[in-house]
C-alpha atoms as a PDB file:
ATOM      1  CA  LEU A   1    -190.783-170.201   3.422  1.00  0.00           C
ATOM      2  CA  LYS A   2    -191.073-166.635   2.210  1.00  0.00           C
ATOM      3  CA  ILE A   3    -188.318-164.879   0.346  1.00  0.00           C
ATOM      4  CA  THR A   4    -188.318-161.422  -1.127  1.00  0.00           C
ATOM      5  CA  GLN A   5    -188.014-160.516  -4.789  1.00  0.00           C
ATOM      6  CA  LYS A   6    -184.563-159.107  -4.019  1.00  0.00           C
ATOM      7  CA  GLN A   7    -183.476-162.442  -2.522  1.00  0.00           C
ATOM      8  CA  VAL A   8    -184.788-164.301  -5.570  1.00  0.00           C
ATOM      9  CA  GLN A   9    -182.930-161.908  -7.876  1.00  0.00           C
ATOM     10  CA  THR A  10    -179.711-162.319  -5.884  1.00  0.00           C
ATOM     11  CA  CYS A  11    -179.964-166.125  -6.025  1.00  0.00           C
ATOM     12  CA  TYR A  12    -180.688-166.037  -9.745  1.00  0.00           C
ATOM     13  CA  GLU A  13    -177.819-163.678 -10.557  1.00  0.00           C
ATOM     14  CA  THR A  14    -175.383-165.544  -8.293  1.00  0.00           C
ATOM     15  CA  ARG A  15    -176.194-168.837 -10.002  1.00  0.00           C
ATOM     16  CA  LYS A  16    -176.035-167.293 -13.449  1.00  0.00           C
ATOM     17  CA  PHE A  17    -172.678-165.673 -12.629  1.00  0.00           C
ATOM     18  CA  ALA A  18    -171.325-169.042 -11.480  1.00  0.00           C
ATOM     19  CA  LEU A  19    -172.327-170.592 -14.816  1.00  0.00           C
ATOM     20  CA  VAL A  20    -170.790-167.895 -17.022  1.00  0.00           C
ATOM     21  CA  ASP A  21    -167.570-169.008 -18.690  1.00  0.00           C
ATOM     22  CA  PRO A  22    -164.958-166.407 -17.653  1.00  0.00           C
ATOM     23  CA  SER A  23    -163.112-166.855 -20.938  1.00  0.00           C
ATOM     24  CA  ASP A  24    -166.238-166.123 -23.011  1.00  0.00           C
ATOM     25  CA  GLU A  25    -166.350-162.342 -23.383  1.00  0.00           C
ATOM     26  CA  ALA A  26    -169.794-162.441 -25.040  1.00  0.00           C
ATOM     27  CA  GLN A  27    -171.327-164.314 -22.085  1.00  0.00           C
ATOM     28  CA  LEU A  28    -169.700-161.962 -19.602  1.00  0.00           C
ATOM     29  CA  LYS A  29    -170.923-158.909 -21.487  1.00  0.00           C
ATOM     30  CA  LYS A  30    -174.483-160.248 -21.690  1.00  0.00           C
ATOM     31  CA  PHE A  31    -174.531-160.963 -17.953  1.00  0.00           C
ATOM     32  CA  ARG A  32    -172.977-157.583 -17.106  1.00  0.00           C
ATOM     33  CA  LEU A  33    -175.556-155.709 -19.208  1.00  0.00           C
ATOM     34  CA  GLU A  34    -178.463-157.622 -17.640  1.00  0.00           C
ATOM     35  CA  VAL A  35    -177.272-156.679 -14.169  1.00  0.00           C
ATOM     36  CA  LYS A  36    -176.596-153.054 -15.124  1.00  0.00           C
ATOM     37  CA  LYS A  37    -180.107-152.738 -16.602  1.00  0.00           C
ATOM     38  CA  ARG A  38    -181.548-153.949 -13.308  1.00  0.00           C
ATOM     39  CA  LEU A  39    -179.327-151.531 -11.392  1.00  0.00           C
ATOM     40  CA  PHE A  40    -180.444-148.707 -13.680  1.00  0.00           C
ATOM     41  CA  ARG A  41    -184.105-149.461 -12.923  1.00  0.00           C
ATOM     42  CA  LEU A  42    -183.345-149.715  -9.211  1.00  0.00           C
ATOM     43  CA  HIS A  43    -181.553-146.343  -9.096  1.00  0.00           C
ATOM     44  CA  THR A  44    -183.585-144.418 -11.714  1.00  0.00           C
ATOM     45  CA  GLU A  45    -184.305-141.393  -9.525  1.00  0.00           C
ATOM     46  CA  GLU A  46    -180.707-141.112  -8.386  1.00  0.00           C
ATOM     47  CA  LEU A  47    -179.357-141.483 -11.934  1.00  0.00           C
ATOM     48  CA  ASP A  48    -181.732-138.967 -13.535  1.00  0.00           C
ATOM     49  CA  GLY A  49    -179.718-136.021 -12.256  1.00  0.00           C
ATOM     50  CA  MET A  50    -176.391-137.365 -13.521  1.00  0.00           C
ATOM     51  CA  GLY A  51    -174.628-136.867 -16.807  1.00  0.00           C
ATOM     52  CA  ALA A  52    -173.946-139.876 -19.030  1.00  0.00           C
ATOM     53  CA  ASP A  53    -170.323-140.353 -17.945  1.00  0.00           C
ATOM     54  CA  ARG A  54    -171.135-140.102 -14.257  1.00  0.00           C
ATOM     55  CA  ARG A  55    -174.108-142.450 -14.680  1.00  0.00           C
ATOM     56  CA  LYS A  56    -171.922-145.046 -16.423  1.00  0.00           C
ATOM     57  CA  ALA A  57    -169.273-144.758 -13.708  1.00  0.00           C
ATOM     58  CA  PHE A  58    -171.916-145.183 -10.996  1.00  0.00           C
ATOM     59  CA  LEU A  59    -173.384-148.272 -12.663  1.00  0.00           C
ATOM     60  CA  GLU A  60    -169.928-149.763 -13.208  1.00  0.00           C
ATOM     61  CA  ALA A  61    -169.022-149.249  -9.539  1.00  0.00           C
ATOM     62  CA  GLU A  62    -172.288-150.833  -8.392  1.00  0.00           C
ATOM     63  CA  TYR A  63    -171.783-153.729 -10.796  1.00  0.00           C
ATOM     64  CA  GLN A  64    -168.233-154.333  -9.528  1.00  0.00           C
ATOM     65  CA  LYS A  65    -169.528-154.528  -5.945  1.00  0.00           C
ATOM     66  CA  LEU A  66    -172.161-157.054  -6.971  1.00  0.00           C
ATOM     67  CA  GLU A  67    -169.720-159.096  -9.024  1.00  0.00           C
ATOM     68  CA  GLU A  68    -167.415-159.406  -6.020  1.00  0.00           C
ATOM     69  CA  HIS A  69    -170.385-160.425  -3.862  1.00  0.00           C
ATOM     70  CA  TYR A  70    -171.482-163.030  -6.436  1.00  0.00           C
ATOM     71  CA  ARG A  71    -167.932-164.330  -6.689  1.00  0.00           C
ATOM     72  CA  GLN A  72    -167.794-164.789  -2.901  1.00  0.00           C
ATOM     73  CA  MET A  73    -171.196-166.516  -2.906  1.00  0.00           C
ATOM     74  CA  ALA A  74    -170.121-168.854  -5.707  1.00  0.00           C
ATOM     75  CA  ILE A  75    -166.968-169.790  -3.783  1.00  0.00           C
ATOM     76  CA  LYS A  76    -168.937-170.479  -0.590  1.00  0.00           C
ATOM     77  CA  ASN A  77    -171.518-172.579  -2.401  1.00  0.00           C
ATOM     78  CA  GLY A  78    -169.070-174.467  -4.577  1.00  0.00           C
END
């Protein structure tokens, strides 16, 4: 069985998201920052030409998409 690094990362982040206590703001923030750092590395070239506010908005939008995806995966997998 071969899986890609992206698939491993998705599994890891989905599982980690499922384990985060939604009422614990510190846990949520730590998870959110980990994901945004990965997104920053993934989109470095695209983000280089943006100002700070636009870059933050882009990362937040990408994070929100992923969070929704992780939420759906967590629901499907119990």
